[in-house]
C-alpha cells in the first residue's frame, strides 16, 4: 500500500462513520442548547437593565412632578407652563415604554401589591378597601416596580 495508508474493512468503516455521525449530532444538539441558554441569559440581562433604567426614570418623574407643582402659580407662569409640558412629555415616554401608574383607589387592598401606610375602620366598606393614595405605584411589563403607599379602610367589627 502506498503512503502507509491501511484500508479498513468496509464494516468497520461503516461503524466508525456511524459513531462519528452520532457524536456530531450530539455536538450540534449541545451547541443549539447552549445558544438558547445564551439567548435567554442575554434577554434576562437586557430586561434587568431596562427595568433599572425605568425605575430611575420613575423616581426622576416624581421629583420633577414636585418641582412643577412648586412652580405652578408662582411669579413665572411661563416657566410653570414650560415645565408642565416637559413633565407631560416624560409621562408620554414612560407610558409608550409600558409604564403604568397604578389606579388603586376604590379597589380591594392587596398586601402583595399595595403598601398600607394608614389603616382605619369604616362603616362604608365591606372588605379592606384602598381609599387614598399617599404615593403612586407603578407597574412595568406586568411587574410592580414601586408599590403604591395607600390609606386603607377596613370594615368595622360588630360591637359585642
N, C-alpha and C. Protein backbone atom coordinates (compact mmCIF):
# COMPACT_ATOMS: atom_id res chain seq x y z
N UNK A 1 0.83 -1.18 0.00
CA UNK A 1 0.00 0.00 0.00
C UNK A 1 0.87 1.24 0.00
N UNK A 2 0.48 2.17 -0.82
CA UNK A 2 1.27 3.38 -0.99
C UNK A 2 0.98 4.38 0.10
N UNK A 3 2.01 5.08 0.57
CA UNK A 3 1.84 6.16 1.53
C UNK A 3 1.54 5.69 2.93
N UNK A 4 1.64 4.44 3.24
CA UNK A 4 1.43 3.94 4.60
C UNK A 4 -0.01 3.92 5.01
N UNK A 5 -0.94 4.08 4.11
CA UNK A 5 -2.36 4.04 4.45
C UNK A 5 -2.81 2.61 4.52
N UNK A 6 -3.49 2.31 5.56
CA UNK A 6 -4.06 0.97 5.64
C UNK A 6 -5.55 1.09 5.48
N UNK A 7 -6.09 0.24 4.69
CA UNK A 7 -7.53 0.27 4.48
C UNK A 7 -8.21 -0.59 5.53
N UNK A 8 -9.36 -0.08 6.01
CA UNK A 8 -10.13 -0.81 6.99
C UNK A 8 -11.21 -1.57 6.25
N UNK A 9 -11.64 -2.66 6.83
CA UNK A 9 -12.73 -3.40 6.20
C UNK A 9 -13.97 -2.52 6.14
N UNK A 10 -14.80 -2.74 5.15
CA UNK A 10 -15.98 -1.91 4.92
C UNK A 10 -16.91 -1.87 6.13
N UNK A 11 -17.10 -2.93 6.83
CA UNK A 11 -17.98 -2.98 8.01
C UNK A 11 -17.46 -2.10 9.13
N UNK A 12 -16.14 -2.11 9.30
CA UNK A 12 -15.52 -1.29 10.35
C UNK A 12 -15.65 0.20 10.01
N UNK A 13 -15.51 0.55 8.76
CA UNK A 13 -15.64 1.93 8.30
C UNK A 13 -17.07 2.41 8.55
N UNK A 14 -18.07 1.58 8.27
CA UNK A 14 -19.47 1.95 8.49
C UNK A 14 -19.74 2.20 9.97
N UNK A 15 -19.20 1.36 10.84
CA UNK A 15 -19.40 1.54 12.29
C UNK A 15 -18.75 2.84 12.74
N UNK A 16 -17.53 3.10 12.28
CA UNK A 16 -16.82 4.33 12.65
C UNK A 16 -17.57 5.55 12.13
N UNK A 17 -18.05 5.46 10.89
CA UNK A 17 -18.82 6.55 10.29
C UNK A 17 -20.08 6.81 11.10
N UNK A 18 -20.76 5.76 11.50
CA UNK A 18 -21.99 5.88 12.30
C UNK A 18 -21.69 6.54 13.65
N UNK A 19 -20.59 6.12 14.29
CA UNK A 19 -20.21 6.70 15.58
C UNK A 19 -19.87 8.19 15.43
N UNK A 20 -19.15 8.54 14.37
CA UNK A 20 -18.80 9.94 14.15
C UNK A 20 -20.04 10.79 13.88
N UNK A 21 -20.97 10.27 13.10
CA UNK A 21 -22.22 11.00 12.83
C UNK A 21 -23.03 11.19 14.11
N UNK A 22 -23.03 10.17 14.96
CA UNK A 22 -23.74 10.27 16.24
C UNK A 22 -23.10 11.33 17.14
N UNK A 23 -21.77 11.33 17.21
CA UNK A 23 -21.07 12.33 18.01
C UNK A 23 -21.30 13.74 17.47
N UNK A 24 -21.33 13.86 16.14
CA UNK A 24 -21.60 15.15 15.51
C UNK A 24 -23.02 15.61 15.85
N UNK A 25 -23.96 14.70 15.81
CA UNK A 25 -25.35 15.02 16.14
C UNK A 25 -25.47 15.52 17.58
N UNK A 26 -24.80 14.83 18.52
CA UNK A 26 -24.81 15.25 19.93
C UNK A 26 -24.17 16.63 20.09
N UNK A 27 -23.05 16.85 19.40
CA UNK A 27 -22.36 18.14 19.50
C UNK A 27 -23.24 19.26 18.95
N UNK A 28 -23.94 19.00 17.86
CA UNK A 28 -24.83 20.02 17.29
C UNK A 28 -26.00 20.32 18.24
N UNK A 29 -26.54 19.28 18.86
CA UNK A 29 -27.63 19.48 19.82
C UNK A 29 -27.14 20.28 21.03
N UNK A 30 -25.95 19.94 21.50
CA UNK A 30 -25.36 20.67 22.63
C UNK A 30 -25.14 22.14 22.28
N UNK A 31 -24.66 22.39 21.07
CA UNK A 31 -24.44 23.76 20.61
C UNK A 31 -25.77 24.52 20.53
N UNK A 32 -26.81 23.89 20.02
CA UNK A 32 -28.14 24.53 19.94
C UNK A 32 -28.65 24.85 21.34
N UNK A 33 -28.46 23.93 22.29
CA UNK A 33 -28.89 24.18 23.68
C UNK A 33 -28.12 25.34 24.30
N UNK A 34 -26.82 25.38 24.05
CA UNK A 34 -26.01 26.47 24.59
C UNK A 34 -26.43 27.80 23.98
N UNK A 35 -26.75 27.81 22.69
CA UNK A 35 -27.19 29.04 22.03
C UNK A 35 -28.49 29.54 22.66
N UNK A 36 -29.45 28.63 22.89
CA UNK A 36 -30.72 29.02 23.51
C UNK A 36 -30.49 29.54 24.93
N UNK A 37 -29.62 28.87 25.68
CA UNK A 37 -29.31 29.31 27.04
C UNK A 37 -28.67 30.70 27.03
N UNK A 38 -27.75 30.93 26.10
CA UNK A 38 -27.10 32.23 25.97
C UNK A 38 -28.12 33.31 25.63
N UNK A 39 -29.03 33.02 24.69
CA UNK A 39 -30.05 33.98 24.31
C UNK A 39 -30.97 34.32 25.48
N UNK A 40 -31.33 33.31 26.29
CA UNK A 40 -32.16 33.56 27.48
C UNK A 40 -31.42 34.45 28.47
N UNK A 41 -30.13 34.19 28.69
CA UNK A 41 -29.35 35.00 29.62
C UNK A 41 -29.21 36.43 29.14
N UNK A 42 -28.98 36.62 27.86
CA UNK A 42 -28.88 37.97 27.29
C UNK A 42 -30.21 38.69 27.47
N UNK A 43 -31.30 37.99 27.20
CA UNK A 43 -32.64 38.58 27.34
C UNK A 43 -32.90 38.98 28.79
N UNK A 44 -32.54 38.10 29.74
CA UNK A 44 -32.72 38.42 31.17
C UNK A 44 -31.90 39.65 31.57
N UNK A 45 -30.66 39.69 31.14
CA UNK A 45 -29.79 40.82 31.49
C UNK A 45 -30.33 42.11 30.88
N UNK A 46 -30.80 42.03 29.65
CA UNK A 46 -31.37 43.20 28.98
C UNK A 46 -32.61 43.68 29.72
N UNK A 47 -33.48 42.76 30.10
CA UNK A 47 -34.70 43.11 30.84
C UNK A 47 -34.36 43.77 32.18
N UNK A 48 -33.38 43.21 32.87
CA UNK A 48 -32.99 43.77 34.17
C UNK A 48 -32.43 45.19 34.00
N UNK A 49 -31.65 45.41 32.96
CA UNK A 49 -31.07 46.74 32.72
C UNK A 49 -32.18 47.74 32.39
N UNK A 50 -33.12 47.34 31.55
CA UNK A 50 -34.24 48.23 31.19
C UNK A 50 -35.07 48.54 32.44
N UNK A 51 -35.32 47.53 33.25
CA UNK A 51 -36.10 47.73 34.47
C UNK A 51 -35.41 48.70 35.42
N UNK A 52 -34.08 48.58 35.57
CA UNK A 52 -33.35 49.52 36.43
C UNK A 52 -33.46 50.95 35.89
N UNK A 53 -33.32 51.10 34.58
CA UNK A 53 -33.42 52.43 33.98
C UNK A 53 -34.82 53.01 34.17
N UNK A 54 -35.84 52.21 33.94
CA UNK A 54 -37.22 52.68 34.10
C UNK A 54 -37.47 53.07 35.56
N UNK A 55 -36.96 52.30 36.50
CA UNK A 55 -37.12 52.65 37.93
C UNK A 55 -36.51 54.01 38.22
N UNK A 56 -35.34 54.27 37.67
CA UNK A 56 -34.69 55.57 37.88
C UNK A 56 -35.48 56.69 37.22
N UNK A 57 -36.02 56.42 36.03
CA UNK A 57 -36.83 57.44 35.35
C UNK A 57 -38.11 57.75 36.13
N UNK A 58 -38.71 56.73 36.73
CA UNK A 58 -39.91 56.95 37.55
C UNK A 58 -39.57 57.84 38.73
N UNK A 59 -38.45 57.58 39.37
CA UNK A 59 -38.02 58.42 40.50
C UNK A 59 -37.81 59.87 40.02
N UNK A 60 -37.14 60.03 38.89
CA UNK A 60 -36.93 61.37 38.33
C UNK A 60 -38.27 62.03 38.02
N UNK A 61 -39.19 61.28 37.41
CA UNK A 61 -40.51 61.81 37.07
C UNK A 61 -41.21 62.34 38.32
N UNK A 62 -41.19 61.57 39.40
CA UNK A 62 -41.86 62.00 40.64
C UNK A 62 -41.22 63.26 41.23
N UNK A 63 -39.90 63.32 41.20
CA UNK A 63 -39.21 64.52 41.71
C UNK A 63 -39.51 65.73 40.83
N UNK A 64 -39.50 65.52 39.52
CA UNK A 64 -39.79 66.60 38.59
C UNK A 64 -41.23 67.07 38.76
N UNK A 65 -42.14 66.15 39.03
CA UNK A 65 -43.55 66.50 39.27
C UNK A 65 -43.67 67.42 40.49
N UNK A 66 -42.87 67.15 41.53
CA UNK A 66 -42.87 68.01 42.72
C UNK A 66 -42.38 69.42 42.37
N UNK A 67 -41.35 69.49 41.54
CA UNK A 67 -40.82 70.79 41.13
C UNK A 67 -41.88 71.57 40.37
N UNK A 68 -42.56 70.90 39.44
CA UNK A 68 -43.59 71.56 38.63
C UNK A 68 -44.69 72.09 39.54
N UNK A 69 -45.12 71.30 40.51
CA UNK A 69 -46.19 71.73 41.42
C UNK A 69 -45.73 72.93 42.28
N UNK A 70 -44.46 72.95 42.63
CA UNK A 70 -43.98 74.06 43.46
C UNK A 70 -43.86 75.35 42.65
N UNK A 71 -43.67 75.24 41.34
CA UNK A 71 -43.52 76.41 40.48
C UNK A 71 -44.86 76.94 39.99
N UNK A 72 -45.85 76.03 39.83
CA UNK A 72 -47.17 76.44 39.33
C UNK A 72 -47.77 77.51 40.22
N UNK A 73 -48.36 78.51 39.58
CA UNK A 73 -49.00 79.60 40.32
C UNK A 73 -48.01 80.57 40.92
N UNK A 74 -46.74 80.40 40.56
CA UNK A 74 -45.72 81.30 41.10
C UNK A 74 -45.60 82.56 40.27
N UNK A 75 -44.47 83.22 40.41
CA UNK A 75 -44.27 84.51 39.76
C UNK A 75 -43.98 84.39 38.26
N UNK A 76 -43.69 83.17 37.78
CA UNK A 76 -43.38 83.00 36.36
C UNK A 76 -44.28 81.93 35.74
N UNK A 77 -45.49 82.34 35.30
CA UNK A 77 -46.41 81.37 34.70
C UNK A 77 -45.82 80.68 33.47
N UNK A 78 -45.01 81.37 32.70
CA UNK A 78 -44.42 80.79 31.50
C UNK A 78 -43.49 79.63 31.88
N UNK A 79 -42.72 79.80 32.94
CA UNK A 79 -41.82 78.74 33.40
C UNK A 79 -42.65 77.54 33.86
N UNK A 80 -43.69 77.79 34.63
CA UNK A 80 -44.55 76.70 35.10
C UNK A 80 -45.17 75.93 33.94
N UNK A 81 -45.60 76.67 32.91
CA UNK A 81 -46.20 76.03 31.74
C UNK A 81 -45.16 75.20 30.98
N UNK A 82 -43.96 75.74 30.83
CA UNK A 82 -42.90 75.03 30.11
C UNK A 82 -42.51 73.74 30.86
N UNK A 83 -42.35 73.84 32.17
CA UNK A 83 -42.01 72.66 32.97
C UNK A 83 -43.13 71.62 32.91
N UNK A 84 -44.37 72.08 32.94
CA UNK A 84 -45.51 71.16 32.87
C UNK A 84 -45.52 70.43 31.52
N UNK A 85 -45.18 71.14 30.44
CA UNK A 85 -45.11 70.50 29.12
C UNK A 85 -44.03 69.41 29.10
N UNK A 86 -42.88 69.69 29.71
CA UNK A 86 -41.81 68.70 29.79
C UNK A 86 -42.24 67.48 30.62
N UNK A 87 -42.93 67.75 31.72
CA UNK A 87 -43.41 66.66 32.57
C UNK A 87 -44.38 65.76 31.79
N UNK A 88 -45.29 66.36 31.04
CA UNK A 88 -46.26 65.60 30.24
C UNK A 88 -45.53 64.78 29.16
N UNK A 89 -44.49 65.34 28.58
CA UNK A 89 -43.73 64.63 27.56
C UNK A 89 -43.01 63.42 28.17
N UNK A 90 -42.43 63.61 29.35
CA UNK A 90 -41.78 62.50 30.05
C UNK A 90 -42.80 61.41 30.38
N UNK A 91 -43.99 61.82 30.80
CA UNK A 91 -45.05 60.86 31.11
C UNK A 91 -45.44 60.07 29.85
N UNK A 92 -45.54 60.74 28.71
CA UNK A 92 -45.85 60.05 27.45
C UNK A 92 -44.78 59.01 27.11
N UNK A 93 -43.53 59.38 27.32
CA UNK A 93 -42.43 58.45 27.03
C UNK A 93 -42.54 57.22 27.93
N UNK A 94 -42.76 57.44 29.22
CA UNK A 94 -42.88 56.31 30.15
C UNK A 94 -44.05 55.40 29.75
N UNK A 95 -45.18 55.99 29.42
CA UNK A 95 -46.36 55.20 29.02
C UNK A 95 -46.07 54.44 27.73
N UNK A 96 -45.42 55.09 26.78
CA UNK A 96 -45.13 54.42 25.50
C UNK A 96 -44.17 53.24 25.68
N UNK A 97 -43.37 53.27 26.75
CA UNK A 97 -42.45 52.18 27.02
C UNK A 97 -43.07 51.09 27.90
N UNK A 98 -44.34 51.29 28.29
CA UNK A 98 -45.03 50.24 29.04
C UNK A 98 -45.16 50.48 30.53
N UNK A 99 -44.86 51.69 30.99
CA UNK A 99 -45.01 52.02 32.41
C UNK A 99 -46.45 52.44 32.65
N UNK A 100 -47.06 51.88 33.68
CA UNK A 100 -48.43 52.24 34.04
C UNK A 100 -48.47 52.75 35.47
N UNK A 101 -49.15 53.88 35.67
CA UNK A 101 -49.40 54.37 37.02
C UNK A 101 -50.57 53.52 37.54
N UNK A 102 -50.41 52.93 38.70
CA UNK A 102 -51.43 52.03 39.23
C UNK A 102 -52.63 52.82 39.75
N UNK A 103 -53.81 52.46 39.29
CA UNK A 103 -55.06 53.08 39.73
C UNK A 103 -55.67 52.16 40.78
N UNK A 104 -55.57 52.54 42.05
CA UNK A 104 -55.95 51.61 43.12
C UNK A 104 -57.08 52.10 44.02
N UNK A 105 -57.44 53.38 43.96
CA UNK A 105 -58.48 53.92 44.84
C UNK A 105 -59.80 53.22 44.55
N UNK A 106 -60.45 52.76 45.61
CA UNK A 106 -61.74 52.08 45.47
C UNK A 106 -61.61 50.58 45.26
N UNK A 107 -60.39 50.10 45.12
CA UNK A 107 -60.18 48.67 44.90
C UNK A 107 -59.84 47.98 46.21
N UNK A 108 -60.05 46.67 46.21
CA UNK A 108 -59.74 45.89 47.41
C UNK A 108 -58.24 45.94 47.68
N UNK A 109 -57.88 46.11 48.95
CA UNK A 109 -56.50 46.17 49.36
C UNK A 109 -55.84 44.81 49.14
N UNK A 110 -54.66 44.82 48.54
CA UNK A 110 -53.89 43.60 48.32
C UNK A 110 -52.49 43.83 48.90
N UNK A 111 -52.15 43.14 49.98
CA UNK A 111 -50.85 43.38 50.61
C UNK A 111 -49.65 43.02 49.73
N UNK A 112 -49.88 42.25 48.67
CA UNK A 112 -48.79 41.91 47.75
C UNK A 112 -48.55 43.03 46.73
N UNK A 113 -49.57 43.86 46.50
CA UNK A 113 -49.47 44.93 45.50
C UNK A 113 -49.43 46.33 46.10
N UNK A 114 -49.91 46.49 47.33
CA UNK A 114 -50.03 47.81 47.94
C UNK A 114 -49.27 47.84 49.27
N UNK A 115 -48.82 49.04 49.63
CA UNK A 115 -48.18 49.23 50.94
C UNK A 115 -49.11 50.11 51.78
N UNK A 116 -49.70 49.51 52.81
CA UNK A 116 -50.63 50.25 53.67
C UNK A 116 -49.83 51.13 54.62
N UNK A 117 -50.09 52.43 54.54
CA UNK A 117 -49.43 53.39 55.42
C UNK A 117 -50.36 53.76 56.57
N UNK A 118 -51.66 53.73 56.28
CA UNK A 118 -52.66 54.07 57.30
C UNK A 118 -53.84 53.11 57.13
N UNK A 119 -54.31 52.59 58.26
CA UNK A 119 -55.48 51.70 58.24
C UNK A 119 -56.45 52.18 59.30
N UNK A 120 -57.74 52.26 58.92
CA UNK A 120 -58.75 52.67 59.88
C UNK A 120 -60.04 51.92 59.59
N UNK A 121 -60.92 51.86 60.60
CA UNK A 121 -62.20 51.17 60.44
C UNK A 121 -63.24 52.12 59.87
N UNK A 122 -64.16 51.54 59.08
CA UNK A 122 -65.20 52.35 58.45
C UNK A 122 -66.46 51.52 58.28
N UNK A 123 -67.61 52.20 58.41
CA UNK A 123 -68.90 51.56 58.16
C UNK A 123 -69.19 51.46 56.67
N UNK A 124 -68.44 52.16 55.87
CA UNK A 124 -68.74 52.30 54.44
C UNK A 124 -68.12 51.23 53.56
N UNK A 125 -67.35 50.30 54.11
CA UNK A 125 -66.72 49.25 53.29
C UNK A 125 -67.05 47.87 53.85
N UNK A 126 -67.09 46.88 52.95
CA UNK A 126 -67.36 45.51 53.40
C UNK A 126 -66.10 44.66 53.38
N UNK A 127 -65.07 45.12 52.65
CA UNK A 127 -63.77 44.46 52.64
C UNK A 127 -62.71 45.54 52.76
N UNK A 128 -61.47 45.14 53.08
CA UNK A 128 -60.38 46.12 53.15
C UNK A 128 -60.27 46.81 51.80
N UNK A 129 -60.43 48.14 51.81
CA UNK A 129 -60.50 48.90 50.56
C UNK A 129 -59.53 50.08 50.58
N UNK A 130 -58.86 50.30 49.45
CA UNK A 130 -57.96 51.44 49.31
C UNK A 130 -58.83 52.68 49.14
N UNK A 131 -58.66 53.66 50.04
CA UNK A 131 -59.47 54.88 49.97
C UNK A 131 -58.64 56.13 49.65
N UNK A 132 -57.34 55.98 49.64
CA UNK A 132 -56.49 57.13 49.32
C UNK A 132 -55.09 56.68 48.96
N UNK A 133 -54.39 57.51 48.17
CA UNK A 133 -53.03 57.21 47.76
C UNK A 133 -52.11 58.31 48.28
N UNK A 134 -51.10 57.92 49.02
CA UNK A 134 -50.13 58.88 49.52
C UNK A 134 -48.94 58.99 48.56
N UNK A 135 -48.65 57.89 47.87
CA UNK A 135 -47.57 57.86 46.89
C UNK A 135 -47.96 56.87 45.80
N UNK A 136 -47.94 57.31 44.55
CA UNK A 136 -48.39 56.46 43.45
C UNK A 136 -47.48 55.24 43.29
N UNK A 137 -48.08 54.19 42.75
CA UNK A 137 -47.34 52.98 42.42
C UNK A 137 -47.24 52.86 40.92
N UNK A 138 -46.23 52.11 40.47
CA UNK A 138 -46.00 51.96 39.04
C UNK A 138 -45.74 50.49 38.69
N UNK A 139 -46.28 50.11 37.54
CA UNK A 139 -46.13 48.76 37.02
C UNK A 139 -45.41 48.87 35.67
N UNK A 140 -44.52 47.90 35.43
CA UNK A 140 -43.79 47.86 34.15
C UNK A 140 -43.76 46.43 33.68
N UNK A 141 -44.35 46.20 32.50
CA UNK A 141 -44.39 44.86 31.92
C UNK A 141 -44.94 43.85 32.93
N UNK A 142 -46.06 44.17 33.51
CA UNK A 142 -46.77 43.30 34.47
C UNK A 142 -46.00 43.04 35.76
N UNK A 143 -44.98 43.84 36.04
CA UNK A 143 -44.26 43.71 37.30
C UNK A 143 -44.35 45.03 38.03
N UNK A 144 -44.65 44.96 39.33
CA UNK A 144 -44.73 46.19 40.11
C UNK A 144 -43.32 46.66 40.45
N UNK A 145 -42.99 47.86 39.95
CA UNK A 145 -41.68 48.43 40.23
C UNK A 145 -41.70 49.20 41.54
N UNK A 146 -42.82 49.84 41.80
CA UNK A 146 -42.96 50.63 43.02
C UNK A 146 -44.40 50.48 43.51
N UNK A 147 -44.60 49.83 44.66
CA UNK A 147 -45.97 49.68 45.14
C UNK A 147 -46.52 51.03 45.63
N UNK A 148 -47.82 51.25 45.43
CA UNK A 148 -48.40 52.50 45.93
C UNK A 148 -48.49 52.47 47.45
N UNK A 149 -48.27 53.62 48.07
CA UNK A 149 -48.46 53.77 49.52
C UNK A 149 -49.87 54.29 49.70
N UNK A 150 -50.69 53.53 50.45
CA UNK A 150 -52.12 53.80 50.46
C UNK A 150 -52.71 53.89 51.86
N UNK A 151 -53.91 54.52 51.90
CA UNK A 151 -54.76 54.54 53.09
C UNK A 151 -55.80 53.44 52.87
N UNK A 152 -56.04 52.64 53.92
CA UNK A 152 -56.95 51.50 53.79
C UNK A 152 -58.06 51.60 54.83
N UNK A 153 -59.30 51.44 54.35
CA UNK A 153 -60.45 51.38 55.25
C UNK A 153 -60.82 49.91 55.40
N UNK A 154 -60.97 49.46 56.65
CA UNK A 154 -61.42 48.09 56.91
C UNK A 154 -62.81 48.12 57.50
N UNK A 155 -63.57 47.07 57.27
CA UNK A 155 -64.92 47.05 57.83
C UNK A 155 -64.88 47.11 59.35
N UNK A 156 -65.82 47.86 59.93
CA UNK A 156 -65.91 47.92 61.39
C UNK A 156 -66.33 46.58 61.93
N UNK A 157 -65.72 46.20 63.01
CA UNK A 157 -66.09 44.94 63.65
C UNK A 157 -67.36 45.20 64.47
N UNK A 158 -68.27 44.27 64.44
CA UNK A 158 -69.50 44.45 65.22
C UNK A 158 -69.17 44.50 66.71
N UNK A 159 -69.88 45.39 67.42
CA UNK A 159 -69.66 45.52 68.87
C UNK A 159 -70.18 44.27 69.54
N UNK A 160 -69.47 43.81 70.49
CA UNK A 160 -70.02 42.67 71.20
C UNK A 160 -69.02 41.79 71.65
